[in-house]
Amino acid sequence: MFDSGVFEKMVDETTDAALVSADREVVLETCLENVSPKNQAVLTAFYSHGQSVEEIAETVNRGQSAVKVLLMRLRRSLPRR
């Protein structure tokens, strides 16, 4: 069905994408160790669960602007890689 070279390239790209995703999770877990549980929940909701700012704002009972500012401040406080 597929040329073996095409198939190998597809497998390589899929593997690379999985590794990037796994690396991202490891980095996020490491960063979460340095913030409060409340802020951990916001970061996890946004980056791991893909929730929108609007959804997070409703969950934490804050305005969307407040959540955006919180995310920006949290990103700035995390160590750079």
C-alpha atoms as a PDB file:
ATOM      1  CA  MET A   1       0.000   0.000   0.000  1.00  0.00           C
ATOM      2  CA  PHE A   2       2.758   2.500   1.012  1.00  0.00           C
ATOM      3  CA  ASP A   3       6.317   2.628  -0.206  1.00  0.00           C
ATOM      4  CA  SER A   4       8.552   1.477   2.688  1.00  0.00           C
ATOM      5  CA  GLY A   5      10.375   4.830   2.716  1.00  0.00           C
ATOM      6  CA  VAL A   6       7.098   6.736   3.019  1.00  0.00           C
ATOM      7  CA  PHE A   7       5.932   4.404   5.789  1.00  0.00           C
ATOM      8  CA  GLU A   8       9.208   4.818   7.722  1.00  0.00           C
ATOM      9  CA  LYS A   9       8.987   8.599   7.427  1.00  0.00           C
ATOM     10  CA  MET A  10       5.408   8.531   8.743  1.00  0.00           C
ATOM     11  CA  VAL A  11       6.495   6.389  11.700  1.00  0.00           C
ATOM     12  CA  ASP A  12       9.432   8.718  12.419  1.00  0.00           C
ATOM     13  CA  GLU A  13       7.214  11.820  12.338  1.00  0.00           C
ATOM     14  CA  THR A  14       4.636  10.175  14.601  1.00  0.00           C
ATOM     15  CA  THR A  15       7.334   9.115  17.046  1.00  0.00           C
ATOM     16  CA  ASP A  16       8.839  12.628  17.053  1.00  0.00           C
ATOM     17  CA  ALA A  17       5.430  14.165  17.767  1.00  0.00           C
ATOM     18  CA  ALA A  18       4.839  11.744  20.650  1.00  0.00           C
ATOM     19  CA  LEU A  19       8.240  12.566  22.145  1.00  0.00           C
ATOM     20  CA  VAL A  20       7.575  16.302  21.932  1.00  0.00           C
ATOM     21  CA  SER A  21       4.230  15.791  23.664  1.00  0.00           C
ATOM     22  CA  ALA A  22       5.833  13.654  26.386  1.00  0.00           C
ATOM     23  CA  ASP A  23       8.617  16.232  26.860  1.00  0.00           C
ATOM     24  CA  ARG A  24       6.044  18.986  27.194  1.00  0.00           C
ATOM     25  CA  GLU A  25       4.240  17.046  29.924  1.00  0.00           C
ATOM     26  CA  VAL A  26       7.487  16.453  31.834  1.00  0.00           C
ATOM     27  CA  VAL A  27       8.406  20.142  31.634  1.00  0.00           C
ATOM     28  CA  LEU A  28       4.913  21.147  32.755  1.00  0.00           C
ATOM     29  CA  GLU A  29       5.040  18.758  35.736  1.00  0.00           C
ATOM     30  CA  THR A  30       8.428  20.148  36.762  1.00  0.00           C
ATOM     31  CA  CYS A  31       7.161  23.716  36.536  1.00  0.00           C
ATOM     32  CA  LEU A  32       4.022  22.882  38.497  1.00  0.00           C
ATOM     33  CA  GLU A  33       6.125  21.877  41.491  1.00  0.00           C
ATOM     34  CA  ASN A  34       7.010  25.551  41.963  1.00  0.00           C
ATOM     35  CA  VAL A  35       3.529  27.111  42.052  1.00  0.00           C
ATOM     36  CA  SER A  36       0.556  27.037  44.413  1.00  0.00           C
ATOM     37  CA  PRO A  37      -2.155  24.387  44.002  1.00  0.00           C
ATOM     38  CA  LYS A  38      -4.614  27.037  42.748  1.00  0.00           C
ATOM     39  CA  ASN A  39      -2.190  28.161  40.068  1.00  0.00           C
ATOM     40  CA  GLN A  40      -1.342  24.547  39.236  1.00  0.00           C
ATOM     41  CA  ALA A  41      -5.009  23.979  38.466  1.00  0.00           C
ATOM     42  CA  VAL A  42      -5.107  26.978  36.108  1.00  0.00           C
ATOM     43  CA  LEU A  43      -1.930  25.930  34.265  1.00  0.00           C
ATOM     44  CA  THR A  44      -3.071  22.315  33.989  1.00  0.00           C
ATOM     45  CA  ALA A  45      -6.502  23.330  32.714  1.00  0.00           C
ATOM     46  CA  PHE A  46      -4.982  25.571  30.050  1.00  0.00           C
ATOM     47  CA  TYR A  47      -1.961  23.551  28.903  1.00  0.00           C
ATOM     48  CA  SER A  48      -2.885  19.922  29.582  1.00  0.00           C
ATOM     49  CA  HIS A  49      -6.637  19.929  29.183  1.00  0.00           C
ATOM     50  CA  GLY A  50      -6.826  22.617  26.521  1.00  0.00           C
ATOM     51  CA  GLN A  51      -9.507  24.626  28.292  1.00  0.00           C
ATOM     52  CA  SER A  52     -10.119  28.111  27.008  1.00  0.00           C
ATOM     53  CA  VAL A  53      -9.525  31.241  29.071  1.00  0.00           C
ATOM     54  CA  GLU A  54     -13.297  31.667  29.183  1.00  0.00           C
ATOM     55  CA  GLU A  55     -13.813  28.167  30.625  1.00  0.00           C
ATOM     56  CA  ILE A  56     -11.102  28.670  33.223  1.00  0.00           C
ATOM     57  CA  ALA A  57     -12.527  32.067  34.199  1.00  0.00           C
ATOM     58  CA  GLU A  58     -15.905  30.478  34.849  1.00  0.00           C
ATOM     59  CA  THR A  59     -14.324  27.676  36.889  1.00  0.00           C
ATOM     60  CA  VAL A  60     -12.240  29.962  39.118  1.00  0.00           C
ATOM     61  CA  ASN A  61     -14.940  32.666  39.250  1.00  0.00           C
ATOM     62  CA  ARG A  62     -12.718  35.403  37.834  1.00  0.00           C
ATOM     63  CA  GLY A  63     -12.845  37.561  34.753  1.00  0.00           C
ATOM     64  CA  GLN A  64     -11.200  36.506  31.499  1.00  0.00           C
ATOM     65  CA  SER A  65      -8.733  39.391  31.727  1.00  0.00           C
ATOM     66  CA  ALA A  66      -7.704  38.282  35.211  1.00  0.00           C
ATOM     67  CA  VAL A  67      -7.064  34.753  33.942  1.00  0.00           C
ATOM     68  CA  LYS A  68      -5.023  36.050  30.985  1.00  0.00           C
ATOM     69  CA  VAL A  69      -2.902  38.181  33.300  1.00  0.00           C
ATOM     70  CA  LEU A  70      -2.473  35.255  35.707  1.00  0.00           C
ATOM     71  CA  LEU A  71      -1.311  32.977  32.878  1.00  0.00           C
ATOM     72  CA  MET A  72       1.106  35.641  31.651  1.00  0.00           C
ATOM     73  CA  ARG A  73       2.562  36.146  35.133  1.00  0.00           C
ATOM     74  CA  LEU A  74       2.864  32.413  35.704  1.00  0.00           C
ATOM     75  CA  ARG A  75       4.660  31.943  32.374  1.00  0.00           C
ATOM     76  CA  ARG A  76       7.078  34.759  33.256  1.00  0.00           C
ATOM     77  CA  SER A  77       7.770  33.258  36.683  1.00  0.00           C
ATOM     78  CA  LEU A  78       8.689  29.849  35.299  1.00  0.00           C
ATOM     79  CA  PRO A  79      12.304  29.043  34.515  1.00  0.00           C
ATOM     80  CA  ARG A  80      13.295  29.424  30.862  1.00  0.00           C
ATOM     81  CA  ARG A  81      14.503  26.396  28.940  1.00  0.00           C
END
